[in-house]
Amino acid sequence: MKLKVIGTVLFVTSFIAACTPPLPPEVLAGQAESTINCEVANTIVDGPAELETNFFLMSDSLAAVCPEHQVTYSVGDPNAQVIITDHTPTQAEIDILNTRCPTSEVLVSPAYGIPATLALQVTGLEGLALDAQAIGGLLNGTITNWNDPVIQKLNPDFVLDSVPVIKLGSTQKSSAVLAMTTWANEVGRSQLPPSDTIRGDQNFPTLYDMAAEMFNIEGSFGIVPLGTAIINGLNVANMVVNNGDILVPEPVYTMRGIATAEINRTNPNQMIASIGFGGKVNEELSDPLIDPSNFKSGWPAVGVAHVMACESGSDNGALPFARFVIRGEGQGALETSGYARLPLPIRLKAILALKTPLSPELLEQIPD
């Protein structure tokens, strides 16, 4: 293993130990990431198919700091000792990875956010605002036309023409879809139960296929990950949350949306995050660099991807790669692909969950 120093300035141990009050999260993250353990390895990474296209951004970022650590993305590979899931992993999924490294523990942490959005193809409705009730009505079929009074009330400046609603669906499971349907059900009182799939008037094998076809279907809408909508150039609705706060799909809101999730660390080395929904932010989990007086709410529907890795096994690069995913470089590569960065407090907890080598003085500073 090679220990590489990243950056030019390191705080001395005595300063860290003596600092009162505790260092702010951004400084702690910088200190925790000031070194990286580089391995000579060829790591196989298993994960969702939709991550494969842009995975080179992640592998190139890793190669820039650890050139002898090569990574190969292989969906469904039974030999992978590091897995990225696009949802909250089940115990059964953790157990499957554990069979590949039976003598060591599987470490788990959140990896990135998957914001959900309602994409629509209705001429003239760019910038339409929708709340949980309106989205619930579109999903359960009680809103059948885009000039419905529920939509008009939310958009008084729009002239809404009569355009029949066409709901698009997909058989592809998605935590983003689960987050949106949960918000519609819990807050919007939709009669449609939360689900990670949606069946529509027209259905497609994947969410990407659905998004690609939406342009050709006037009056259509679908629930897709925000990144999928952006890649396909789709119009997306603004979200109305918390009694009238209108959110546009920008990184500051999607990152705060992750801070609406619940974190489970019953096992301190398996940090599990739920979906985030509703937009009410837990400020203890939100990035402290974002002023809550200016950005009151979080994006109301966010799935949370996770990374799981064998603590030790035949692939000595599995755990270092997992740690790289939550580093600033890894998060930047994921953000470029349309995903949401983890807020700093969650990243710091993830650093602990993945047993990142740190000095005792720095460990004392990171809130557990």
Protein backbone atom coordinates (compact mmCIF):
# COMPACT_ATOMS: atom_id res chain seq x y z
CA MET A 1 0.00 0.00 0.00
CA LYS A 2 1.24 3.46 -0.86
CA LEU A 3 0.23 6.43 1.30
CA LYS A 4 -0.03 9.53 -0.83
CA VAL A 5 -0.37 13.06 0.56
CA ILE A 6 -2.98 15.14 -1.25
CA GLY A 7 -2.62 18.91 -1.06
CA THR A 8 0.08 21.12 0.32
CA VAL A 9 -1.02 22.02 3.85
CA LEU A 10 -1.49 19.64 6.80
CA PHE A 11 -2.48 20.70 10.29
CA VAL A 12 -0.13 19.33 12.88
CA THR A 13 -1.45 16.79 15.35
CA SER A 14 -0.99 19.04 18.33
CA PHE A 15 -3.13 21.72 16.72
CA ILE A 16 -5.94 19.27 16.05
CA ALA A 17 -5.83 17.93 19.59
CA ALA A 18 -5.85 21.38 21.12
CA CYS A 19 -8.56 22.90 18.94
CA THR A 20 -11.65 23.90 20.91
CA PRO A 21 -14.44 23.98 19.83
CA PRO A 22 -14.24 21.05 17.36
CA LEU A 23 -13.13 21.79 13.84
CA PRO A 24 -15.95 22.49 11.36
CA PRO A 25 -16.98 19.62 9.05
CA GLU A 26 -15.34 21.10 5.95
CA VAL A 27 -11.99 21.28 7.75
CA LEU A 28 -12.40 17.77 9.17
CA ALA A 29 -13.18 16.41 5.70
CA GLY A 30 -10.10 18.13 4.30
CA GLN A 31 -7.95 16.62 7.02
CA ALA A 32 -9.46 13.15 6.55
CA GLU A 33 -8.79 13.35 2.82
CA SER A 34 -5.30 14.81 3.05
CA THR A 35 -3.91 11.32 2.46
CA ILE A 36 -5.13 8.42 0.37
CA ASN A 37 -4.12 4.77 0.56
CA CYS A 38 -3.20 3.76 -3.00
CA GLU A 39 -3.09 0.07 -3.90
CA VAL A 40 -1.63 -1.83 -6.82
CA ALA A 41 -4.84 -3.57 -7.79
CA ASN A 42 -7.31 -4.37 -10.54
CA THR A 43 -10.67 -3.97 -8.86
CA ILE A 44 -13.95 -5.23 -10.29
CA VAL A 45 -16.89 -2.98 -9.41
CA ASP A 46 -20.47 -4.24 -9.66
CA GLY A 47 -23.33 -1.78 -9.82
CA PRO A 48 -26.42 -0.50 -11.63
CA ALA A 49 -26.39 -0.49 -15.43
CA GLU A 50 -27.18 3.22 -15.66
CA LEU A 51 -23.92 4.09 -13.87
CA GLU A 52 -21.83 2.21 -16.43
CA THR A 53 -21.92 4.85 -19.18
CA ASN A 54 -20.19 7.53 -17.12
CA PHE A 55 -18.15 5.28 -14.85
CA PHE A 56 -15.02 6.37 -16.71
CA LEU A 57 -15.31 9.68 -14.85
CA MET A 58 -14.83 7.79 -11.59
CA SER A 59 -12.03 5.55 -12.86
CA ASP A 60 -10.18 8.49 -14.43
CA SER A 61 -10.42 10.45 -11.17
CA LEU A 62 -8.98 7.51 -9.23
CA ALA A 63 -6.20 7.01 -11.79
CA ALA A 64 -5.18 10.65 -11.39
CA VAL A 65 -4.20 10.05 -7.75
CA CYS A 66 -3.58 6.27 -7.73
CA PRO A 67 -2.34 5.35 -11.23
CA GLU A 68 -1.58 1.74 -10.28
CA HIS A 69 -5.13 1.07 -9.09
CA GLN A 70 -7.20 0.01 -12.09
CA VAL A 71 -10.97 -0.45 -11.87
CA THR A 72 -13.31 -2.34 -14.18
CA TYR A 73 -17.08 -1.84 -14.09
CA SER A 74 -18.88 -5.14 -14.57
CA VAL A 75 -22.63 -5.26 -13.94
CA GLY A 76 -23.67 -8.39 -12.06
CA ASP A 77 -20.14 -9.77 -11.81
CA PRO A 78 -20.10 -12.53 -9.14
CA ASN A 79 -16.41 -11.90 -8.46
CA ALA A 80 -16.80 -8.25 -7.46
CA GLN A 81 -15.87 -7.51 -3.84
CA VAL A 82 -17.20 -3.95 -4.04
CA ILE A 83 -20.78 -3.20 -5.07
CA ILE A 84 -22.61 0.05 -5.69
CA THR A 85 -26.38 -0.15 -5.21
CA ASP A 86 -28.79 2.49 -6.48
CA HIS A 87 -31.01 1.97 -3.45
CA THR A 88 -30.92 1.20 0.26
CA PRO A 89 -29.31 -2.27 0.42
CA THR A 90 -31.18 -5.12 2.03
CA GLN A 91 -29.60 -7.50 4.50
CA ALA A 92 -29.87 -10.22 1.83
CA GLU A 93 -27.73 -8.12 -0.52
CA ILE A 94 -25.14 -7.52 2.19
CA ASP A 95 -25.11 -11.25 2.93
CA ILE A 96 -24.48 -12.09 -0.75
CA LEU A 97 -21.37 -9.89 -0.76
CA ASN A 98 -20.29 -11.45 2.52
CA THR A 99 -20.11 -14.87 0.82
CA ARG A 100 -17.33 -13.45 -1.39
CA CYS A 101 -15.23 -12.54 1.65
CA PRO A 102 -16.46 -14.91 4.39
CA THR A 103 -13.59 -14.16 6.78
CA SER A 104 -14.13 -10.39 6.87
CA GLU A 105 -16.91 -7.91 7.47
CA VAL A 106 -18.82 -6.12 4.72
CA LEU A 107 -18.58 -2.35 5.23
CA VAL A 108 -21.45 -0.17 3.95
CA SER A 109 -22.01 3.54 3.54
CA PRO A 110 -24.15 5.95 1.50
CA ALA A 111 -22.51 6.84 -1.81
CA TYR A 112 -24.58 9.54 -3.53
CA GLY A 113 -28.10 10.86 -3.94
CA ILE A 114 -30.48 10.12 -6.81
CA PRO A 115 -32.93 13.03 -7.01
CA ALA A 116 -36.30 12.17 -8.53
CA THR A 117 -38.16 14.50 -10.84
CA LEU A 118 -41.37 14.68 -12.79
CA ALA A 119 -40.44 15.14 -16.44
CA LEU A 120 -43.15 16.28 -18.81
CA GLN A 121 -43.68 16.85 -22.50
CA VAL A 122 -46.33 19.57 -22.70
CA THR A 123 -45.64 22.52 -24.99
CA GLY A 124 -45.57 25.84 -23.12
CA LEU A 125 -45.32 24.41 -19.60
CA GLU A 126 -41.62 24.98 -19.02
CA GLY A 127 -41.11 25.86 -15.35
CA LEU A 128 -44.41 24.37 -14.19
CA ALA A 129 -44.59 23.99 -10.40
CA LEU A 130 -46.13 20.91 -8.78
CA ASP A 131 -46.61 19.84 -5.18
CA ALA A 132 -47.16 16.42 -3.62
CA GLN A 133 -50.93 16.63 -4.07
CA ALA A 134 -50.68 17.45 -7.78
CA ILE A 135 -48.10 14.74 -8.40
CA GLY A 136 -50.24 12.29 -6.46
CA GLY A 137 -53.23 13.19 -8.61
CA LEU A 138 -51.24 12.69 -11.81
CA LEU A 139 -50.00 9.34 -10.58
CA ASN A 140 -53.30 7.96 -9.33
CA GLY A 141 -55.30 9.18 -12.31
CA THR A 142 -57.54 11.74 -10.59
CA ILE A 143 -55.88 14.49 -12.64
CA THR A 144 -56.51 13.67 -16.30
CA ASN A 145 -55.84 17.00 -17.99
CA TRP A 146 -53.01 19.50 -17.69
CA ASN A 147 -55.52 22.35 -17.13
CA ASP A 148 -56.79 20.75 -13.92
CA PRO A 149 -57.68 23.32 -11.20
CA VAL A 150 -55.16 21.76 -8.80
CA ILE A 151 -52.34 22.52 -11.27
CA GLN A 152 -53.78 25.94 -12.18
CA LYS A 153 -53.87 27.00 -8.52
CA LEU A 154 -50.15 26.26 -8.18
CA ASN A 155 -49.37 28.15 -11.40
CA PRO A 156 -51.58 31.29 -11.52
CA ASP A 157 -49.40 32.94 -14.19
CA PHE A 158 -49.77 30.05 -16.64
CA VAL A 159 -52.47 29.78 -19.29
CA LEU A 160 -53.20 26.07 -19.21
CA ASP A 161 -54.64 24.63 -22.39
CA SER A 162 -56.66 21.44 -22.46
CA VAL A 163 -54.12 18.67 -22.98
CA PRO A 164 -54.93 15.10 -21.90
CA VAL A 165 -52.47 13.59 -19.41
CA ILE A 166 -50.57 10.49 -20.55
CA LYS A 167 -48.73 8.68 -17.76
CA LEU A 168 -45.57 6.83 -18.78
CA GLY A 169 -44.25 3.93 -16.75
CA SER A 170 -41.39 1.47 -16.60
CA THR A 171 -40.69 -1.94 -15.14
CA GLN A 172 -37.25 -0.76 -13.97
CA LYS A 173 -37.02 -0.48 -10.20
CA SER A 174 -35.71 2.85 -8.93
CA SER A 175 -35.21 4.34 -5.47
CA ALA A 176 -35.91 7.73 -7.06
CA VAL A 177 -39.36 6.50 -8.09
CA LEU A 178 -39.88 5.08 -4.59
CA ALA A 179 -38.97 8.45 -3.05
CA MET A 180 -41.38 10.37 -5.31
CA THR A 181 -44.30 7.96 -4.80
CA THR A 182 -43.66 8.02 -1.04
CA TRP A 183 -43.79 11.82 -1.00
CA ALA A 184 -47.00 11.79 -3.04
CA ASN A 185 -48.53 9.24 -0.69
CA GLU A 186 -47.35 10.55 2.68
CA VAL A 187 -47.67 14.28 2.01
CA GLY A 188 -49.98 14.49 -1.01
CA ARG A 189 -52.36 11.82 0.34
CA SER A 190 -52.32 9.98 -2.96
CA GLN A 191 -54.23 6.70 -2.94
CA LEU A 192 -51.36 5.15 -4.90
CA PRO A 193 -49.08 3.29 -2.45
CA PRO A 194 -45.31 3.91 -2.49
CA SER A 195 -43.57 1.79 -5.10
CA ASP A 196 -40.20 1.59 -6.85
CA THR A 197 -41.96 1.10 -10.21
CA ILE A 198 -44.84 2.87 -11.92
CA ARG A 199 -47.22 1.33 -14.41
CA GLY A 200 -48.54 3.85 -16.93
CA ASP A 201 -50.70 4.26 -20.01
CA GLN A 202 -47.56 3.37 -21.96
CA ASN A 203 -44.72 1.34 -20.43
CA PHE A 204 -41.03 0.89 -21.20
CA PRO A 205 -38.35 -1.58 -20.10
CA THR A 206 -36.09 1.10 -18.62
CA LEU A 207 -36.46 4.64 -17.32
CA TYR A 208 -33.94 5.80 -19.91
CA ASP A 209 -36.04 4.31 -22.72
CA MET A 210 -39.07 6.07 -21.30
CA ALA A 211 -37.28 9.42 -21.08
CA ALA A 212 -35.92 9.08 -24.62
CA GLU A 213 -39.41 8.50 -26.02
CA MET A 214 -41.17 11.20 -24.02
CA PHE A 215 -40.34 13.90 -26.59
CA ASN A 216 -42.61 12.13 -29.08
CA ILE A 217 -45.66 11.91 -26.79
CA GLU A 218 -47.39 15.27 -26.24
CA GLY A 219 -49.11 15.46 -22.88
CA SER A 220 -46.93 12.78 -21.34
CA PHE A 221 -45.12 12.71 -18.03
CA GLY A 222 -42.97 10.26 -16.10
CA ILE A 223 -41.04 9.98 -12.84
CA VAL A 224 -37.32 9.62 -13.57
CA PRO A 225 -33.98 10.37 -11.91
CA LEU A 226 -33.08 14.01 -12.45
CA GLY A 227 -29.86 13.04 -14.24
CA THR A 228 -31.81 10.93 -16.74
CA ALA A 229 -34.11 13.87 -17.50
CA ILE A 230 -31.17 16.24 -17.99
CA ILE A 231 -29.30 13.86 -20.28
CA ASN A 232 -32.41 13.59 -22.48
CA GLY A 233 -33.07 17.34 -22.46
CA LEU A 234 -36.50 17.00 -20.85
CA ASN A 235 -38.59 19.69 -19.24
CA VAL A 236 -38.85 19.05 -15.50
CA ALA A 237 -41.28 20.44 -12.95
CA ASN A 238 -40.24 22.69 -10.11
CA MET A 239 -41.21 21.27 -6.72
CA VAL A 240 -43.49 23.04 -4.24
CA VAL A 241 -42.73 21.93 -0.67
CA ASN A 242 -43.32 22.99 2.92
CA ASN A 243 -46.25 25.35 2.39
CA GLY A 244 -45.15 27.11 -0.75
CA ASP A 245 -41.35 26.93 -0.97
CA ILE A 246 -40.68 26.50 -4.72
CA LEU A 247 -37.49 24.58 -5.54
CA VAL A 248 -35.70 24.46 -8.85
CA PRO A 249 -33.57 21.37 -9.63
CA GLU A 250 -30.20 22.71 -8.51
CA PRO A 251 -27.39 20.91 -6.60
CA VAL A 252 -27.88 22.95 -3.43
CA TYR A 253 -31.44 21.62 -3.07
CA THR A 254 -30.73 18.05 -4.13
CA MET A 255 -27.86 17.77 -1.65
CA ARG A 256 -30.10 19.12 1.11
CA GLY A 257 -32.66 16.56 0.03
CA ILE A 258 -30.30 13.79 1.12
CA ALA A 259 -30.39 15.33 4.60
CA THR A 260 -34.09 14.42 4.82
CA ALA A 261 -33.14 10.71 4.91
CA GLU A 262 -32.89 8.67 8.08
CA ILE A 263 -29.49 7.22 8.97
CA ASN A 264 -29.17 3.82 10.66
CA ARG A 265 -25.85 2.93 12.27
CA THR A 266 -26.93 0.08 14.52
CA ASN A 267 -23.78 -1.56 13.20
CA PRO A 268 -21.28 1.34 13.12
CA ASN A 269 -19.53 -0.16 10.09
CA GLN A 270 -22.73 -0.56 8.10
CA MET A 271 -24.20 2.90 7.67
CA ILE A 272 -27.60 2.64 5.98
CA ALA A 273 -29.62 5.59 4.66
CA SER A 274 -33.31 5.52 3.78
CA ILE A 275 -34.87 7.41 0.90
CA GLY A 276 -35.34 11.11 1.58
CA PHE A 277 -38.74 12.69 1.04
CA GLY A 278 -40.81 15.68 2.06
CA GLY A 279 -38.16 18.41 1.96
CA LYS A 280 -37.89 18.92 5.74
CA VAL A 281 -34.16 18.98 6.35
CA ASN A 282 -32.35 17.53 9.35
CA GLU A 283 -29.84 20.35 9.78
CA GLU A 284 -27.45 18.06 11.67
CA LEU A 285 -27.03 16.07 8.44
CA SER A 286 -27.03 19.02 6.04
CA ASP A 287 -23.92 20.66 4.65
CA PRO A 288 -22.95 23.49 7.03
CA LEU A 289 -21.76 25.62 4.11
CA ILE A 290 -25.38 25.96 2.96
CA ASP A 291 -27.25 28.71 4.79
CA PRO A 292 -30.67 27.33 5.81
CA SER A 293 -32.09 30.85 5.98
CA ASN A 294 -31.54 31.14 2.22
CA PHE A 295 -32.26 27.50 1.32
CA LYS A 296 -34.96 26.43 3.76
CA SER A 297 -35.99 23.13 2.17
CA GLY A 298 -34.44 20.11 0.54
CA TRP A 299 -35.44 18.41 -2.69
CA PRO A 300 -38.55 16.43 -1.73
CA ALA A 301 -37.74 13.06 -3.31
CA VAL A 302 -34.24 11.56 -3.27
CA GLY A 303 -33.08 7.97 -3.44
CA VAL A 304 -29.77 7.17 -1.79
CA ALA A 305 -27.20 4.91 -3.43
CA HIS A 306 -24.77 2.92 -1.29
CA VAL A 307 -21.34 1.38 -1.65
CA MET A 308 -20.50 -1.96 -0.04
CA ALA A 309 -17.03 -3.52 0.15
CA CYS A 310 -15.25 -6.43 1.77
CA GLU A 311 -12.99 -5.19 4.53
CA SER A 312 -10.41 -7.71 3.38
CA GLY A 313 -10.37 -10.33 0.67
CA SER A 314 -8.64 -11.37 -2.52
CA ASP A 315 -9.10 -7.86 -3.99
CA ASN A 316 -6.95 -5.52 -1.93
CA GLY A 317 -8.36 -2.56 -3.87
CA ALA A 318 -12.04 -3.13 -3.04
CA LEU A 319 -12.18 -1.14 0.20
CA PRO A 320 -9.85 1.65 -1.00
CA PHE A 321 -12.15 2.12 -4.00
CA ALA A 322 -15.21 2.33 -1.74
CA ARG A 323 -13.43 5.00 0.29
CA PHE A 324 -12.61 6.86 -2.92
CA VAL A 325 -16.29 6.99 -3.86
CA ILE A 326 -17.07 9.21 -0.85
CA ARG A 327 -13.95 11.37 -1.22
CA GLY A 328 -14.26 14.79 -2.80
CA GLU A 329 -12.85 13.55 -6.14
CA GLY A 330 -15.28 10.65 -6.29
CA GLN A 331 -18.22 12.84 -5.32
CA GLY A 332 -17.27 15.33 -8.01
CA ALA A 333 -17.25 12.62 -10.67
CA LEU A 334 -20.69 11.45 -9.56
CA GLU A 335 -22.08 14.99 -9.54
CA THR A 336 -20.88 15.43 -13.13
CA SER A 337 -22.98 12.37 -13.99
CA GLY A 338 -26.14 13.99 -12.62
CA TYR A 339 -26.14 12.62 -9.08
CA ALA A 340 -26.16 14.54 -5.79
CA ARG A 341 -23.15 14.87 -3.51
CA LEU A 342 -23.38 13.63 0.04
CA PRO A 343 -23.57 16.46 2.59
CA LEU A 344 -20.39 16.83 4.64
CA PRO A 345 -21.78 15.46 7.94
CA ILE A 346 -22.90 12.27 6.17
CA ARG A 347 -19.56 11.97 4.39
CA LEU A 348 -17.75 12.21 7.71
CA LYS A 349 -19.88 9.42 9.17
CA ALA A 350 -19.22 7.39 6.02
CA ILE A 351 -15.49 7.87 6.50
CA LEU A 352 -15.85 6.20 9.90
CA ALA A 353 -18.12 3.43 8.60
CA LEU A 354 -15.54 2.48 5.96
CA LYS A 355 -12.79 2.38 8.59
CA THR A 356 -10.68 4.99 6.82
CA PRO A 357 -7.20 5.10 8.41
CA LEU A 358 -7.04 8.28 10.50
CA SER A 359 -4.97 9.54 13.40
CA PRO A 360 -6.46 9.10 16.90
CA GLU A 361 -6.56 12.87 17.28
CA LEU A 362 -8.62 13.29 14.12
CA LEU A 363 -10.93 10.42 15.04
CA GLU A 364 -11.74 12.21 18.28
CA GLN A 365 -12.79 15.28 16.31
CA ILE A 366 -15.23 13.52 13.95
CA PRO A 367 -18.70 13.26 15.51
CA ASP A 368 -19.89 9.66 15.56
